Amino acid sequence: MTIAGPEPAAAPPTLEELFTPKTVPAPLLLLVVGPHGSGPDEVAAAGLELFRRGHVPLTDEAIASTTPEEQTTGEGADADPAQPQVVHPYARRLLERCDGVVRTGGHSAVADELVAVARSRGTRVWTAVESVPHVAPAPLV
């Protein structure tokens, strides 16, 4: 007969988790920033999860595909969507309109700068997609 010991204590919640509601009444416009490279793209995966949570995520790939530089140069698929000279100025302008920023893991000087700008403006910053609240379901009428 094996006697199980007490359940291990759960990790204490982070400050972000303590002060983040479980749901928000309407979708948030969220800028998703982070590193890019080979392998699975964390930014795209985070954007998809935020969309599933009911929000409107903006990733740099989406920004790059709509910039005038990309449209006029005709570089299309050959262009690097993470090019700072294309994406960075647009992302900085979008910060003025976004409800928040989601920073995915890994080294990225551009993402770190965008997070710093967002925080200096008082814009909410989440460092984990799991901390972003879901959109509350619409009430049944």
N, C-alpha and C. Protein backbone atom coordinates (compact mmCIF):
# COMPACT_ATOMS: atom_id res chain seq x y z
N MET A 1 0.85 -1.17 0.00
CA MET A 1 0.00 0.00 0.00
C MET A 1 0.89 1.23 0.00
N THR A 2 0.65 2.09 -0.96
CA THR A 2 1.42 3.31 -1.05
C THR A 2 0.56 4.46 -0.57
N ILE A 3 1.12 5.24 0.31
CA ILE A 3 0.39 6.40 0.81
C ILE A 3 0.99 7.63 0.13
N ALA A 4 0.11 8.31 -0.56
CA ALA A 4 0.56 9.51 -1.26
C ALA A 4 0.73 10.64 -0.27
N GLY A 5 1.74 11.42 -0.50
CA GLY A 5 1.96 12.59 0.34
C GLY A 5 1.03 13.72 -0.06
N PRO A 6 1.19 14.83 0.58
CA PRO A 6 0.33 15.97 0.25
C PRO A 6 0.61 16.45 -1.17
N GLU A 7 -0.41 17.01 -1.78
CA GLU A 7 -0.26 17.58 -3.12
C GLU A 7 0.81 18.66 -3.08
N PRO A 8 1.67 18.70 -4.11
CA PRO A 8 2.66 19.79 -4.14
C PRO A 8 1.95 21.12 -4.28
N ALA A 9 2.47 22.11 -3.61
CA ALA A 9 1.87 23.43 -3.66
C ALA A 9 1.96 23.99 -5.07
N ALA A 10 0.88 24.58 -5.51
CA ALA A 10 0.88 25.22 -6.83
C ALA A 10 1.77 26.46 -6.77
N ALA A 11 2.34 26.77 -7.92
CA ALA A 11 3.17 27.97 -7.99
C ALA A 11 2.29 29.19 -7.70
N PRO A 12 2.79 30.14 -6.94
CA PRO A 12 1.98 31.31 -6.66
C PRO A 12 1.71 32.08 -7.96
N PRO A 13 0.56 32.72 -8.07
CA PRO A 13 0.26 33.46 -9.29
C PRO A 13 1.19 34.66 -9.45
N THR A 14 1.45 35.00 -10.69
CA THR A 14 2.26 36.18 -10.97
C THR A 14 1.41 37.42 -10.76
N LEU A 15 2.05 38.57 -10.64
CA LEU A 15 1.28 39.82 -10.51
C LEU A 15 0.37 40.02 -11.71
N GLU A 16 0.87 39.66 -12.89
CA GLU A 16 0.07 39.79 -14.11
C GLU A 16 -1.21 38.96 -14.01
N GLU A 17 -1.08 37.73 -13.48
CA GLU A 17 -2.24 36.86 -13.34
C GLU A 17 -3.20 37.37 -12.27
N LEU A 18 -2.66 37.95 -11.19
CA LEU A 18 -3.52 38.46 -10.14
C LEU A 18 -4.38 39.62 -10.59
N PHE A 19 -3.83 40.45 -11.46
CA PHE A 19 -4.53 41.66 -11.85
C PHE A 19 -5.11 41.60 -13.25
N THR A 20 -5.17 40.43 -13.84
CA THR A 20 -5.77 40.25 -15.15
C THR A 20 -7.11 39.56 -14.97
N PRO A 21 -8.18 40.19 -15.43
CA PRO A 21 -9.47 39.51 -15.32
C PRO A 21 -9.48 38.26 -16.20
N LYS A 22 -10.35 37.32 -15.87
CA LYS A 22 -10.44 36.09 -16.64
C LYS A 22 -11.06 36.32 -18.01
N THR A 23 -11.93 37.33 -18.13
CA THR A 23 -12.54 37.66 -19.41
C THR A 23 -12.60 39.18 -19.57
N VAL A 24 -12.72 39.61 -20.81
CA VAL A 24 -12.94 41.02 -21.13
C VAL A 24 -14.22 41.09 -21.95
N PRO A 25 -14.93 42.21 -21.91
CA PRO A 25 -16.23 42.27 -22.58
C PRO A 25 -16.17 42.32 -24.10
N ALA A 26 -15.07 42.77 -24.67
CA ALA A 26 -14.98 42.91 -26.13
C ALA A 26 -13.58 42.50 -26.59
N PRO A 27 -13.44 42.14 -27.87
CA PRO A 27 -12.12 41.78 -28.39
C PRO A 27 -11.13 42.93 -28.25
N LEU A 28 -9.89 42.58 -27.96
CA LEU A 28 -8.80 43.55 -27.88
C LEU A 28 -7.99 43.50 -29.17
N LEU A 29 -7.51 44.65 -29.60
CA LEU A 29 -6.57 44.73 -30.73
C LEU A 29 -5.18 44.59 -30.12
N LEU A 30 -4.50 43.48 -30.42
CA LEU A 30 -3.23 43.16 -29.78
C LEU A 30 -2.10 43.03 -30.79
N LEU A 31 -1.02 43.75 -30.53
CA LEU A 31 0.18 43.64 -31.35
C LEU A 31 1.03 42.52 -30.76
N VAL A 32 1.37 41.51 -31.58
CA VAL A 32 2.16 40.37 -31.13
C VAL A 32 3.58 40.56 -31.64
N VAL A 33 4.54 40.61 -30.72
CA VAL A 33 5.93 40.85 -31.10
C VAL A 33 6.83 39.78 -30.50
N GLY A 34 7.91 39.48 -31.20
CA GLY A 34 8.86 38.50 -30.71
C GLY A 34 9.87 38.16 -31.78
N PRO A 35 10.70 37.17 -31.50
CA PRO A 35 11.75 36.78 -32.43
C PRO A 35 11.22 35.98 -33.61
N HIS A 36 11.99 35.95 -34.66
CA HIS A 36 11.67 35.14 -35.83
C HIS A 36 12.91 34.38 -36.23
N GLY A 37 12.72 33.25 -36.82
CA GLY A 37 13.85 32.45 -37.25
C GLY A 37 13.36 31.14 -37.79
N SER A 38 14.23 30.17 -37.81
CA SER A 38 13.84 28.86 -38.33
C SER A 38 12.98 28.14 -37.31
N GLY A 39 12.25 27.18 -37.77
CA GLY A 39 11.39 26.40 -36.90
C GLY A 39 10.03 27.03 -36.74
N PRO A 40 9.23 26.49 -35.82
CA PRO A 40 7.89 27.02 -35.62
C PRO A 40 7.95 28.48 -35.20
N ASP A 41 7.10 29.27 -35.78
CA ASP A 41 7.09 30.70 -35.49
C ASP A 41 6.20 30.97 -34.28
N GLU A 42 6.81 31.36 -33.17
CA GLU A 42 6.07 31.64 -31.94
C GLU A 42 5.09 32.79 -32.10
N VAL A 43 5.46 33.80 -32.88
CA VAL A 43 4.58 34.95 -33.07
C VAL A 43 3.30 34.52 -33.77
N ALA A 44 3.42 33.73 -34.83
CA ALA A 44 2.23 33.26 -35.54
C ALA A 44 1.38 32.36 -34.66
N ALA A 45 2.02 31.48 -33.89
CA ALA A 45 1.28 30.59 -32.99
C ALA A 45 0.55 31.40 -31.92
N ALA A 46 1.21 32.42 -31.39
CA ALA A 46 0.57 33.27 -30.39
C ALA A 46 -0.61 34.01 -31.00
N GLY A 47 -0.44 34.51 -32.23
CA GLY A 47 -1.54 35.19 -32.90
C GLY A 47 -2.74 34.29 -33.07
N LEU A 48 -2.50 33.04 -33.45
CA LEU A 48 -3.60 32.09 -33.63
C LEU A 48 -4.31 31.83 -32.30
N GLU A 49 -3.56 31.65 -31.23
CA GLU A 49 -4.19 31.41 -29.92
C GLU A 49 -4.97 32.63 -29.45
N LEU A 50 -4.45 33.82 -29.70
CA LEU A 50 -5.18 35.04 -29.32
C LEU A 50 -6.47 35.16 -30.12
N PHE A 51 -6.43 34.78 -31.38
CA PHE A 51 -7.64 34.78 -32.20
C PHE A 51 -8.66 33.79 -31.62
N ARG A 52 -8.19 32.62 -31.21
CA ARG A 52 -9.08 31.62 -30.60
C ARG A 52 -9.67 32.13 -29.30
N ARG A 53 -8.97 33.02 -28.62
CA ARG A 53 -9.48 33.60 -27.37
C ARG A 53 -10.46 34.74 -27.66
N GLY A 54 -10.65 35.07 -28.94
CA GLY A 54 -11.65 36.07 -29.31
C GLY A 54 -11.10 37.44 -29.65
N HIS A 55 -9.78 37.58 -29.73
CA HIS A 55 -9.17 38.89 -29.96
C HIS A 55 -8.79 39.11 -31.43
N VAL A 56 -8.28 40.30 -31.72
CA VAL A 56 -7.80 40.65 -33.06
C VAL A 56 -6.28 40.85 -32.95
N PRO A 57 -5.51 39.79 -33.22
CA PRO A 57 -4.06 39.91 -33.13
C PRO A 57 -3.46 40.46 -34.42
N LEU A 58 -2.42 41.24 -34.27
CA LEU A 58 -1.65 41.74 -35.40
C LEU A 58 -0.22 41.23 -35.24
N THR A 59 0.26 40.53 -36.25
CA THR A 59 1.65 40.05 -36.22
C THR A 59 2.44 40.84 -37.24
N ASP A 60 3.76 40.79 -37.13
CA ASP A 60 4.57 41.55 -38.08
C ASP A 60 4.44 41.01 -39.50
N GLU A 61 4.13 39.72 -39.65
CA GLU A 61 3.91 39.20 -41.00
C GLU A 61 2.72 39.90 -41.64
N ALA A 62 1.66 40.08 -40.85
CA ALA A 62 0.47 40.77 -41.36
C ALA A 62 0.79 42.23 -41.68
N ILE A 63 1.58 42.86 -40.81
CA ILE A 63 1.96 44.26 -41.04
C ILE A 63 2.79 44.37 -42.31
N ALA A 64 3.78 43.50 -42.45
CA ALA A 64 4.69 43.56 -43.60
C ALA A 64 3.95 43.35 -44.91
N SER A 65 2.94 42.50 -44.91
CA SER A 65 2.23 42.22 -46.16
C SER A 65 1.34 43.37 -46.60
N THR A 66 1.11 44.34 -45.74
CA THR A 66 0.24 45.46 -46.10
C THR A 66 0.97 46.79 -46.21
N THR A 67 2.28 46.78 -46.03
CA THR A 67 3.01 48.04 -46.08
C THR A 67 3.19 48.51 -47.52
N PRO A 68 3.18 49.83 -47.73
CA PRO A 68 3.41 50.34 -49.08
C PRO A 68 4.74 49.89 -49.68
N GLU A 69 5.78 49.76 -48.85
CA GLU A 69 7.08 49.33 -49.38
C GLU A 69 6.97 47.95 -50.01
N GLU A 70 6.30 47.04 -49.34
CA GLU A 70 6.18 45.67 -49.84
C GLU A 70 5.34 45.66 -51.11
N GLN A 71 4.29 46.45 -51.14
CA GLN A 71 3.41 46.46 -52.30
C GLN A 71 4.07 47.10 -53.52
N THR A 72 4.89 48.13 -53.31
CA THR A 72 5.50 48.81 -54.44
C THR A 72 6.80 48.18 -54.91
N THR A 73 7.52 47.49 -54.01
CA THR A 73 8.78 46.90 -54.43
C THR A 73 8.57 45.60 -55.17
N GLY A 74 7.41 44.98 -54.97
CA GLY A 74 7.14 43.72 -55.65
C GLY A 74 7.96 42.57 -55.12
N GLU A 75 8.56 42.75 -53.94
CA GLU A 75 9.39 41.69 -53.40
C GLU A 75 8.54 40.52 -52.91
N GLY A 76 7.34 40.79 -52.45
CA GLY A 76 6.40 39.75 -52.05
C GLY A 76 7.02 38.69 -51.18
N ALA A 77 6.95 37.43 -51.64
CA ALA A 77 7.41 36.29 -50.85
C ALA A 77 8.92 36.32 -50.61
N ASP A 78 9.67 37.05 -51.46
CA ASP A 78 11.12 37.12 -51.28
C ASP A 78 11.52 38.08 -50.16
N ALA A 79 10.59 38.95 -49.76
CA ALA A 79 10.92 39.93 -48.73
C ALA A 79 10.91 39.26 -47.36
N ASP A 80 11.78 39.72 -46.50
CA ASP A 80 11.81 39.22 -45.12
C ASP A 80 10.78 40.01 -44.32
N PRO A 81 9.69 39.36 -43.84
CA PRO A 81 8.64 40.11 -43.15
C PRO A 81 9.11 40.69 -41.83
N ALA A 82 10.24 40.25 -41.32
CA ALA A 82 10.73 40.78 -40.06
C ALA A 82 11.71 41.93 -40.27
N GLN A 83 11.84 42.42 -41.52
CA GLN A 83 12.77 43.52 -41.78
C GLN A 83 12.40 44.73 -40.94
N PRO A 84 13.28 45.18 -40.07
CA PRO A 84 12.95 46.31 -39.22
C PRO A 84 12.62 47.58 -39.99
N GLN A 85 13.28 47.83 -41.11
CA GLN A 85 13.02 49.07 -41.84
C GLN A 85 11.63 49.11 -42.44
N VAL A 86 10.99 47.96 -42.60
CA VAL A 86 9.63 47.90 -43.13
C VAL A 86 8.62 47.82 -41.99
N VAL A 87 8.84 46.90 -41.08
CA VAL A 87 7.85 46.59 -40.06
C VAL A 87 7.90 47.54 -38.87
N HIS A 88 9.08 47.87 -38.42
CA HIS A 88 9.24 48.62 -37.19
C HIS A 88 8.47 49.94 -37.19
N PRO A 89 8.58 50.80 -38.19
CA PRO A 89 7.83 52.06 -38.16
C PRO A 89 6.31 51.85 -38.11
N TYR A 90 5.82 50.83 -38.78
CA TYR A 90 4.38 50.55 -38.77
C TYR A 90 3.95 50.05 -37.40
N ALA A 91 4.75 49.18 -36.82
CA ALA A 91 4.42 48.65 -35.50
C ALA A 91 4.39 49.76 -34.46
N ARG A 92 5.33 50.69 -34.54
CA ARG A 92 5.34 51.82 -33.59
C ARG A 92 4.08 52.65 -33.73
N ARG A 93 3.62 52.87 -34.95
CA ARG A 93 2.38 53.63 -35.15
C ARG A 93 1.17 52.86 -34.66
N LEU A 94 1.18 51.56 -34.89
CA LEU A 94 0.07 50.73 -34.42
C LEU A 94 -0.04 50.72 -32.90
N LEU A 95 1.06 50.88 -32.21
CA LEU A 95 1.02 50.91 -30.75
C LEU A 95 0.08 51.98 -30.23
N GLU A 96 -0.07 53.06 -30.98
CA GLU A 96 -0.97 54.13 -30.56
C GLU A 96 -2.43 53.71 -30.61
N ARG A 97 -2.74 52.70 -31.40
CA ARG A 97 -4.11 52.23 -31.59
C ARG A 97 -4.42 50.92 -30.88
N CYS A 98 -3.39 50.17 -30.53
CA CYS A 98 -3.60 48.84 -29.94
C CYS A 98 -4.01 48.93 -28.48
N ASP A 99 -4.78 47.92 -28.07
CA ASP A 99 -5.19 47.81 -26.67
C ASP A 99 -4.11 47.17 -25.82
N GLY A 100 -3.17 46.47 -26.47
CA GLY A 100 -2.12 45.81 -25.72
C GLY A 100 -1.09 45.18 -26.64
N VAL A 101 -0.03 44.70 -26.01
CA VAL A 101 1.08 44.04 -26.72
C VAL A 101 1.31 42.70 -26.06
N VAL A 102 1.52 41.68 -26.88
CA VAL A 102 1.88 40.36 -26.38
C VAL A 102 3.29 40.07 -26.85
N ARG A 103 4.19 39.85 -25.91
CA ARG A 103 5.61 39.59 -26.22
C ARG A 103 5.86 38.10 -26.11
N THR A 104 6.26 37.48 -27.23
CA THR A 104 6.62 36.07 -27.19
C THR A 104 8.09 35.95 -26.82
N GLY A 105 8.53 34.75 -26.42
CA GLY A 105 9.86 34.53 -25.89
C GLY A 105 10.97 34.64 -26.90
N GLY A 106 12.18 34.67 -26.40
CA GLY A 106 13.36 34.71 -27.26
C GLY A 106 13.90 36.11 -27.45
N HIS A 107 15.13 36.18 -27.93
CA HIS A 107 15.80 37.48 -28.11
C HIS A 107 15.28 38.21 -29.34
N SER A 108 14.91 39.45 -29.15
CA SER A 108 14.53 40.33 -30.26
C SER A 108 14.63 41.77 -29.77
N ALA A 109 15.64 42.48 -30.27
CA ALA A 109 15.83 43.87 -29.86
C ALA A 109 14.65 44.74 -30.28
N VAL A 110 14.10 44.48 -31.46
CA VAL A 110 12.96 45.26 -31.95
C VAL A 110 11.75 45.02 -31.05
N ALA A 111 11.47 43.75 -30.72
CA ALA A 111 10.34 43.44 -29.85
C ALA A 111 10.53 44.08 -28.48
N ASP A 112 11.74 44.03 -27.95
CA ASP A 112 12.01 44.65 -26.64
C ASP A 112 11.76 46.15 -26.69
N GLU A 113 12.17 46.78 -27.78
CA GLU A 113 11.94 48.23 -27.91
C GLU A 113 10.45 48.54 -27.98
N LEU A 114 9.70 47.75 -28.75
CA LEU A 114 8.26 47.98 -28.86
C LEU A 114 7.57 47.80 -27.51
N VAL A 115 8.00 46.81 -26.74
CA VAL A 115 7.44 46.60 -25.41
C VAL A 115 7.76 47.81 -24.51
N ALA A 116 8.97 48.32 -24.58
CA ALA A 116 9.35 49.48 -23.78
C ALA A 116 8.51 50.70 -24.15
N VAL A 117 8.30 50.91 -25.44
CA VAL A 117 7.46 52.03 -25.89
C VAL A 117 6.03 51.85 -25.39
N ALA A 118 5.50 50.63 -25.51
CA ALA A 118 4.14 50.36 -25.03
C ALA A 118 4.02 50.66 -23.54
N ARG A 119 4.96 50.17 -22.76
CA ARG A 119 4.90 50.39 -21.31
C ARG A 119 5.02 51.87 -20.98
N SER A 120 5.87 52.60 -21.71
CA SER A 120 6.01 54.03 -21.43
C SER A 120 4.73 54.80 -21.72
N ARG A 121 3.91 54.26 -22.60
CA ARG A 121 2.62 54.89 -22.94
C ARG A 121 1.48 54.39 -22.05
N GLY A 122 1.79 53.44 -21.19
CA GLY A 122 0.75 52.89 -20.33
C GLY A 122 -0.09 51.80 -21.00
N THR A 123 0.39 51.29 -22.12
CA THR A 123 -0.31 50.22 -22.83
C THR A 123 -0.03 48.90 -22.13
N ARG A 124 -1.05 48.05 -21.98
CA ARG A 124 -0.88 46.75 -21.33
C ARG A 124 0.08 45.89 -22.13
N VAL A 125 0.92 45.17 -21.42
CA VAL A 125 1.86 44.23 -22.03
C VAL A 125 1.70 42.88 -21.32
N TRP A 126 1.53 41.84 -22.12
CA TRP A 126 1.49 40.48 -21.59
C TRP A 126 2.72 39.75 -22.09
N THR A 127 3.32 38.95 -21.22
CA THR A 127 4.50 38.18 -21.60
C THR A 127 4.17 36.71 -21.82
N ALA A 128 2.90 36.36 -21.70
CA ALA A 128 2.45 35.00 -21.97
C ALA A 128 1.03 35.06 -22.53
N VAL A 129 0.81 34.34 -23.60
CA VAL A 129 -0.52 34.32 -24.21
C VAL A 129 -1.55 33.83 -23.20
N GLU A 130 -1.16 32.89 -22.35
CA GLU A 130 -2.08 32.33 -21.38
C GLU A 130 -2.59 33.37 -20.39
N SER A 131 -1.89 34.47 -20.23
CA SER A 131 -2.30 35.53 -19.31
C SER A 131 -3.32 36.48 -19.91
N VAL A 132 -3.46 36.46 -21.22
CA VAL A 132 -4.41 37.35 -21.87
C VAL A 132 -5.82 36.79 -21.65
N PRO A 133 -6.73 37.61 -21.13
CA PRO A 133 -8.07 37.11 -20.85
C PRO A 133 -8.83 36.76 -22.13
N HIS A 134 -9.75 35.81 -22.01
CA HIS A 134 -10.64 35.46 -23.11
C HIS A 134 -11.68 36.56 -23.26
N VAL A 135 -12.30 36.66 -24.42
CA VAL A 135 -13.43 37.56 -24.62
C VAL A 135 -14.65 36.86 -24.04
N ALA A 136 -15.39 37.57 -23.21
CA ALA A 136 -16.58 36.99 -22.59
C ALA A 136 -17.61 36.65 -23.66
N PRO A 137 -18.30 35.54 -23.50
CA PRO A 137 -19.33 35.19 -24.47
C PRO A 137 -20.44 36.24 -24.45
N ALA A 138 -21.01 36.48 -25.63
CA ALA A 138 -22.12 37.43 -25.72
C ALA A 138 -23.32 36.90 -24.96
N PRO A 139 -24.02 37.77 -24.23
CA PRO A 139 -25.20 37.28 -23.48
C PRO A 139 -26.29 36.81 -24.43
N LEU A 140 -26.97 35.77 -24.00
CA LEU A 140 -28.08 35.26 -24.80
C LEU A 140 -29.26 36.21 -24.66
N VAL A 141 -29.91 36.49 -25.77
CA VAL A 141 -31.05 37.42 -25.74
C VAL A 141 -32.32 36.67 -25.94
